[in-house]
Amino acid sequence: METSIKDDKTKVMIDVLERMEKEIGSALETIEVQSDRETLESIERGLADIREGRARSFDSFLKAQGLG
């Protein structure tokens, strides 16, 4: 019975560590994007395009390409 409890605790710890690894990776990617002025400016231009109606849905794009 004690072995089962230890195994369960080990599984929980592995799960926690895997989730932490994903969160740290995500945080590092966010820092990378935020530290790149060119990338941030591109994102801002894209958001402005969406707000001002200069964007279309992916489905619309596919149809225009004859793929949808």
PDB file of N, CA and C in Angstrom:
ATOM      1  N   MET A   1       0.822  -1.194   0.000  1.00  0.00           N
ATOM      2  CA  MET A   1       0.000   0.000   0.000  1.00  0.00           C
ATOM      3  C   MET A   1       0.864   1.255   0.000  1.00  0.00           C
ATOM      4  N   GLU A   2       1.939   1.247   0.778  1.00  0.00           N
ATOM      5  CA  GLU A   2       2.807   2.420   0.851  1.00  0.00           C
ATOM      6  C   GLU A   2       3.462   2.711  -0.495  1.00  0.00           C
ATOM      7  N   THR A   3       3.813   1.677  -1.232  1.00  0.00           N
ATOM      8  CA  THR A   3       4.404   1.850  -2.557  1.00  0.00           C
ATOM      9  C   THR A   3       3.437   2.572  -3.478  1.00  0.00           C
ATOM     10  N   SER A   4       2.171   2.220  -3.400  1.00  0.00           N
ATOM     11  CA  SER A   4       1.150   2.866  -4.228  1.00  0.00           C
ATOM     12  C   SER A   4       1.047   4.349  -3.914  1.00  0.00           C
ATOM     13  N   ILE A   5       1.106   4.696  -2.639  1.00  0.00           N
ATOM     14  CA  ILE A   5       1.038   6.106  -2.237  1.00  0.00           C
ATOM     15  C   ILE A   5       2.248   6.851  -2.777  1.00  0.00           C
ATOM     16  N   LYS A   6       3.423   6.261  -2.665  1.00  0.00           N
ATOM     17  CA  LYS A   6       4.634   6.897  -3.185  1.00  0.00           C
ATOM     18  C   LYS A   6       4.538   7.069  -4.695  1.00  0.00           C
ATOM     19  N   ASP A   7       4.021   6.043  -5.382  1.00  0.00           N
ATOM     20  CA  ASP A   7       3.858   6.130  -6.834  1.00  0.00           C
ATOM     21  C   ASP A   7       2.893   7.247  -7.203  1.00  0.00           C
ATOM     22  N   ASP A   8       1.801   7.367  -6.447  1.00  0.00           N
ATOM     23  CA  ASP A   8       0.831   8.431  -6.711  1.00  0.00           C
ATOM     24  C   ASP A   8       1.461   9.805  -6.506  1.00  0.00           C
ATOM     25  N   LYS A   9       2.230   9.953  -5.436  1.00  0.00           N
ATOM     26  CA  LYS A   9       2.899  11.230  -5.168  1.00  0.00           C
ATOM     27  C   LYS A   9       3.903  11.545  -6.271  1.00  0.00           C
ATOM     28  N   THR A  10       4.605  10.530  -6.726  1.00  0.00           N
ATOM     29  CA  THR A  10       5.573  10.723  -7.806  1.00  0.00           C
ATOM     30  C   THR A  10       4.871  11.175  -9.076  1.00  0.00           C
ATOM     31  N   LYS A  11       3.738  10.555  -9.395  1.00  0.00           N
ATOM     32  CA  LYS A  11       2.978  10.941 -10.584  1.00  0.00           C
ATOM     33  C   LYS A  11       2.497  12.382 -10.485  1.00  0.00           C
ATOM     34  N   VAL A  12       2.037  12.765  -9.299  1.00  0.00           N
ATOM     35  CA  VAL A  12       1.573  14.139  -9.095  1.00  0.00           C
ATOM     36  C   VAL A  12       2.735  15.108  -9.277  1.00  0.00           C
ATOM     37  N   MET A  13       3.877  14.791  -8.698  1.00  0.00           N
ATOM     38  CA  MET A  13       5.041  15.671  -8.820  1.00  0.00           C
ATOM     39  C   MET A  13       5.502  15.783 -10.271  1.00  0.00           C
ATOM     40  N   ILE A  14       5.486  14.689 -10.997  1.00  0.00           N
ATOM     41  CA  ILE A  14       5.872  14.723 -12.411  1.00  0.00           C
ATOM     42  C   ILE A  14       4.908  15.603 -13.189  1.00  0.00           C
ATOM     43  N   ASP A  15       3.618  15.472 -12.907  1.00  0.00           N
ATOM     44  CA  ASP A  15       2.610  16.294 -13.571  1.00  0.00           C
ATOM     45  C   ASP A  15       2.830  17.774 -13.273  1.00  0.00           C
ATOM     46  N   VAL A  16       3.090  18.083 -12.015  1.00  0.00           N
ATOM     47  CA  VAL A  16       3.337  19.476 -11.622  1.00  0.00           C
ATOM     48  C   VAL A  16       4.576  20.012 -12.329  1.00  0.00           C
ATOM     49  N   LEU A  17       5.638  19.241 -12.359  1.00  0.00           N
ATOM     50  CA  LEU A  17       6.870  19.687 -13.010  1.00  0.00           C
ATOM     51  C   LEU A  17       6.677  19.877 -14.515  1.00  0.00           C
ATOM     52  N   GLU A  18       5.902  18.999 -15.143  1.00  0.00           N
ATOM     53  CA  GLU A  18       5.641  19.153 -16.579  1.00  0.00           C
ATOM     54  C   GLU A  18       4.842  20.416 -16.850  1.00  0.00           C
ATOM     55  N   ARG A  19       3.854  20.699 -15.992  1.00  0.00           N
ATOM     56  CA  ARG A  19       3.078  21.931 -16.175  1.00  0.00           C
ATOM     57  C   ARG A  19       3.944  23.163 -15.943  1.00  0.00           C
ATOM     58  N   MET A  20       4.828  23.089 -14.949  1.00  0.00           N
ATOM     59  CA  MET A  20       5.736  24.208 -14.690  1.00  0.00           C
ATOM     60  C   MET A  20       6.647  24.449 -15.887  1.00  0.00           C
ATOM     61  N   GLU A  21       7.137  23.370 -16.487  1.00  0.00           N
ATOM     62  CA  GLU A  21       8.006  23.490 -17.662  1.00  0.00           C
ATOM     63  C   GLU A  21       7.277  24.215 -18.794  1.00  0.00           C
ATOM     64  N   LYS A  22       6.016  23.853 -19.023  1.00  0.00           N
ATOM     65  CA  LYS A  22       5.227  24.509 -20.067  1.00  0.00           C
ATOM     66  C   LYS A  22       5.023  25.986 -19.753  1.00  0.00           C
ATOM     67  N   GLU A  23       4.714  26.296 -18.496  1.00  0.00           N
ATOM     68  CA  GLU A  23       4.486  27.687 -18.102  1.00  0.00           C
ATOM     69  C   GLU A  23       5.759  28.518 -18.241  1.00  0.00           C
ATOM     70  N   ILE A  24       6.878  27.951 -17.855  1.00  0.00           N
ATOM     71  CA  ILE A  24       8.154  28.665 -17.984  1.00  0.00           C
ATOM     72  C   ILE A  24       8.469  28.900 -19.453  1.00  0.00           C
ATOM     73  N   GLY A  25       8.249  27.899 -20.293  1.00  0.00           N
ATOM     74  CA  GLY A  25       8.466  28.064 -21.732  1.00  0.00           C
ATOM     75  C   GLY A  25       7.590  29.155 -22.302  1.00  0.00           C
ATOM     76  N   SER A  26       6.338  29.178 -21.878  1.00  0.00           N
ATOM     77  CA  SER A  26       5.408  30.208 -22.341  1.00  0.00           C
ATOM     78  C   SER A  26       5.866  31.592 -21.891  1.00  0.00           C
ATOM     79  N   ALA A  27       6.310  31.692 -20.650  1.00  0.00           N
ATOM     80  CA  ALA A  27       6.792  32.975 -20.133  1.00  0.00           C
ATOM     81  C   ALA A  27       8.023  33.442 -20.905  1.00  0.00           C
ATOM     82  N   LEU A  28       8.920  32.534 -21.218  1.00  0.00           N
ATOM     83  CA  LEU A  28      10.119  32.898 -21.980  1.00  0.00           C
ATOM     84  C   LEU A  28       9.757  33.380 -23.383  1.00  0.00           C
ATOM     85  N   GLU A  29       8.783  32.731 -24.016  1.00  0.00           N
ATOM     86  CA  GLU A  29       8.341  33.174 -25.339  1.00  0.00           C
ATOM     87  C   GLU A  29       7.728  34.566 -25.260  1.00  0.00           C
ATOM     88  N   THR A  30       6.942  34.818 -24.220  1.00  0.00           N
ATOM     89  CA  THR A  30       6.330  36.133 -24.039  1.00  0.00           C
ATOM     90  C   THR A  30       7.400  37.197 -23.863  1.00  0.00           C
ATOM     91  N   ILE A  31       8.386  36.917 -23.051  1.00  0.00           N
ATOM     92  CA  ILE A  31       9.483  37.869 -22.835  1.00  0.00           C
ATOM     93  C   ILE A  31      10.213  38.125 -24.144  1.00  0.00           C
ATOM     94  N   GLU A  32      10.436  37.078 -24.915  1.00  0.00           N
ATOM     95  CA  GLU A  32      11.131  37.219 -26.199  1.00  0.00           C
ATOM     96  C   GLU A  32      10.351  38.134 -27.142  1.00  0.00           C
ATOM     97  N   VAL A  33       9.046  37.913 -27.238  1.00  0.00           N
ATOM     98  CA  VAL A  33       8.216  38.741 -28.122  1.00  0.00           C
ATOM     99  C   VAL A  33       8.199  40.182 -27.628  1.00  0.00           C
ATOM    100  N   GLN A  34       8.035  40.364 -26.329  1.00  0.00           N
ATOM    101  CA  GLN A  34       7.940  41.713 -25.783  1.00  0.00           C
ATOM    102  C   GLN A  34       9.253  42.482 -25.888  1.00  0.00           C
ATOM    103  N   SER A  35      10.347  41.778 -26.013  1.00  0.00           N
ATOM    104  CA  SER A  35      11.631  42.468 -26.114  1.00  0.00           C
ATOM    105  C   SER A  35      12.018  42.752 -27.564  1.00  0.00           C
ATOM    106  N   ASP A  36      11.200  42.315 -28.513  1.00  0.00           N
ATOM    107  CA  ASP A  36      11.484  42.524 -29.932  1.00  0.00           C
ATOM    108  C   ASP A  36      10.554  43.606 -30.480  1.00  0.00           C
ATOM    109  N   ARG A  37      11.081  44.801 -30.617  1.00  0.00           N
ATOM    110  CA  ARG A  37      10.281  45.948 -31.044  1.00  0.00           C
ATOM    111  C   ARG A  37       9.601  45.704 -32.397  1.00  0.00           C
ATOM    112  N   GLU A  38      10.323  45.112 -33.324  1.00  0.00           N
ATOM    113  CA  GLU A  38       9.771  44.868 -34.660  1.00  0.00           C
ATOM    114  C   GLU A  38       8.557  43.930 -34.594  1.00  0.00           C
ATOM    115  N   THR A  39       8.672  42.898 -33.775  1.00  0.00           N
ATOM    116  CA  THR A  39       7.550  41.965 -33.619  1.00  0.00           C
ATOM    117  C   THR A  39       6.352  42.661 -32.997  1.00  0.00           C
ATOM    118  N   LEU A  40       6.586  43.459 -31.960  1.00  0.00           N
ATOM    119  CA  LEU A  40       5.485  44.184 -31.320  1.00  0.00           C
ATOM    120  C   LEU A  40       4.810  45.143 -32.291  1.00  0.00           C
ATOM    121  N   GLU A  41       5.603  45.828 -33.102  1.00  0.00           N
ATOM    122  CA  GLU A  41       5.026  46.749 -34.084  1.00  0.00           C
ATOM    123  C   GLU A  41       4.194  45.992 -35.115  1.00  0.00           C
ATOM    124  N   SER A  42       4.659  44.816 -35.523  1.00  0.00           N
ATOM    125  CA  SER A  42       3.895  44.000 -36.472  1.00  0.00           C
ATOM    126  C   SER A  42       2.568  43.557 -35.866  1.00  0.00           C
ATOM    127  N   ILE A  43       2.597  43.176 -34.610  1.00  0.00           N
ATOM    128  CA  ILE A  43       1.364  42.781 -33.924  1.00  0.00           C
ATOM    129  C   ILE A  43       0.402  43.958 -33.857  1.00  0.00           C
ATOM    130  N   GLU A  44       0.912  45.126 -33.505  1.00  0.00           N
ATOM    131  CA  GLU A  44       0.061  46.320 -33.429  1.00  0.00           C
ATOM    132  C   GLU A  44      -0.546  46.655 -34.788  1.00  0.00           C
ATOM    133  N   ARG A  45       0.244  46.539 -35.862  1.00  0.00           N
ATOM    134  CA  ARG A  45      -0.297  46.795 -37.203  1.00  0.00           C
ATOM    135  C   ARG A  45      -1.397  45.793 -37.546  1.00  0.00           C
ATOM    136  N   GLY A  46      -1.179  44.545 -37.203  1.00  0.00           N
ATOM    137  CA  GLY A  46      -2.182  43.516 -37.457  1.00  0.00           C
ATOM    138  C   GLY A  46      -3.467  43.771 -36.691  1.00  0.00           C
ATOM    139  N   LEU A  47      -3.342  44.156 -35.436  1.00  0.00           N
ATOM    140  CA  LEU A  47      -4.531  44.466 -34.639  1.00  0.00           C
ATOM    141  C   LEU A  47      -5.269  45.676 -35.202  1.00  0.00           C
ATOM    142  N   ALA A  48      -4.521  46.676 -35.659  1.00  0.00           N
ATOM    143  CA  ALA A  48      -5.152  47.852 -36.275  1.00  0.00           C
ATOM    144  C   ALA A  48      -5.884  47.445 -37.552  1.00  0.00           C
ATOM    145  N   ASP A  49      -5.294  46.569 -38.346  1.00  0.00           N
ATOM    146  CA  ASP A  49      -5.960  46.074 -39.560  1.00  0.00           C
ATOM    147  C   ASP A  49      -7.287  45.404 -39.214  1.00  0.00           C
ATOM    148  N   ILE A  50      -7.284  44.605 -38.171  1.00  0.00           N
ATOM    149  CA  ILE A  50      -8.518  43.929 -37.756  1.00  0.00           C
ATOM    150  C   ILE A  50      -9.555  44.951 -37.308  1.00  0.00           C
ATOM    151  N   ARG A  51      -9.153  45.892 -36.462  1.00  0.00           N
ATOM    152  CA  ARG A  51     -10.082  46.919 -35.963  1.00  0.00           C
ATOM    153  C   ARG A  51     -10.681  47.738 -37.091  1.00  0.00           C
ATOM    154  N   GLU A  52      -9.887  48.013 -38.122  1.00  0.00           N
ATOM    155  CA  GLU A  52     -10.325  48.888 -39.210  1.00  0.00           C
ATOM    156  C   GLU A  52     -10.906  48.116 -40.391  1.00  0.00           C
ATOM    157  N   GLY A  53     -11.144  46.822 -40.199  1.00  0.00           N
ATOM    158  CA  GLY A  53     -11.820  46.031 -41.218  1.00  0.00           C
ATOM    159  C   GLY A  53     -10.968  45.641 -42.410  1.00  0.00           C
ATOM    160  N   ARG A  54      -9.656  45.671 -42.266  1.00  0.00           N
ATOM    161  CA  ARG A  54      -8.762  45.308 -43.369  1.00  0.00           C
ATOM    162  C   ARG A  54      -8.298  43.860 -43.268  1.00  0.00           C
ATOM    163  N   ALA A  55      -9.086  43.049 -42.595  1.00  0.00           N
ATOM    164  CA  ALA A  55      -8.747  41.630 -42.449  1.00  0.00           C
ATOM    165  C   ALA A  55      -9.970  40.800 -42.814  1.00  0.00           C
ATOM    166  N   ARG A  56      -9.741  39.534 -43.106  1.00  0.00           N
ATOM    167  CA  ARG A  56     -10.861  38.640 -43.405  1.00  0.00           C
ATOM    168  C   ARG A  56     -10.631  37.309 -42.702  1.00  0.00           C
ATOM    169  N   SER A  57     -11.674  36.534 -42.646  1.00  0.00           N
ATOM    170  CA  SER A  57     -11.585  35.249 -41.954  1.00  0.00           C
ATOM    171  C   SER A  57     -10.708  34.283 -42.745  1.00  0.00           C
ATOM    172  N   PHE A  58     -10.235  33.270 -42.061  1.00  0.00           N
ATOM    173  CA  PHE A  58      -9.422  32.251 -42.712  1.00  0.00           C
ATOM    174  C   PHE A  58     -10.244  31.515 -43.762  1.00  0.00           C
ATOM    175  N   ASP A  59     -11.511  31.256 -43.454  1.00  0.00           N
ATOM    176  CA  ASP A  59     -12.392  30.599 -44.435  1.00  0.00           C
ATOM    177  C   ASP A  59     -12.518  31.431 -45.705  1.00  0.00           C
ATOM    178  N   SER A  60     -12.662  32.746 -45.544  1.00  0.00           N
ATOM    179  CA  SER A  60     -12.756  33.640 -46.698  1.00  0.00           C
ATOM    180  C   SER A  60     -11.466  33.592 -47.520  1.00  0.00           C
ATOM    181  N   PHE A  61     -10.339  33.568 -46.842  1.00  0.00           N
ATOM    182  CA  PHE A  61      -9.046  33.473 -47.517  1.00  0.00           C
ATOM    183  C   PHE A  61      -8.953  32.179 -48.326  1.00  0.00           C
ATOM    184  N   LEU A  62      -9.347  31.065 -47.701  1.00  0.00           N
ATOM    185  CA  LEU A  62      -9.290  29.778 -48.399  1.00  0.00           C
ATOM    186  C   LEU A  62     -10.180  29.774 -49.634  1.00  0.00           C
ATOM    187  N   LYS A  63     -11.374  30.329 -49.516  1.00  0.00           N
ATOM    188  CA  LYS A  63     -12.282  30.393 -50.662  1.00  0.00           C
ATOM    189  C   LYS A  63     -11.672  31.217 -51.789  1.00  0.00           C
ATOM    190  N   ALA A  64     -11.041  32.336 -51.443  1.00  0.00           N
ATOM    191  CA  ALA A  64     -10.419  33.190 -52.455  1.00  0.00           C
ATOM    192  C   ALA A  64      -9.274  32.468 -53.164  1.00  0.00           C
ATOM    193  N   GLN A  65      -8.670  31.518 -52.477  1.00  0.00           N
ATOM    194  CA  GLN A  65      -7.571  30.750 -53.065  1.00  0.00           C
ATOM    195  C   GLN A  65      -8.078  29.499 -53.787  1.00  0.00           C
ATOM    196  N   GLY A  66      -9.393  29.314 -53.778  1.00  0.00           N
ATOM    197  CA  GLY A  66      -9.978  28.135 -54.403  1.00  0.00           C
ATOM    198  C   GLY A  66      -9.800  26.869 -53.587  1.00  0.00           C
ATOM    199  N   LEU A  67      -9.601  27.033 -52.302  1.00  0.00           N
ATOM    200  CA  LEU A  67      -9.337  25.878 -51.440  1.00  0.00           C
ATOM    201  C   LEU A  67     -10.486  25.573 -50.483  1.00  0.00           C
ATOM    202  N   GLY A  68     -11.531  26.367 -50.542  1.00  0.00           N
ATOM    203  CA  GLY A  68     -12.578  26.134 -49.547  1.00  0.00           C
ATOM    204  C   GLY A  68     -13.961  26.118 -50.075  1.00  0.00           C
TER     205      GLY A  68
END
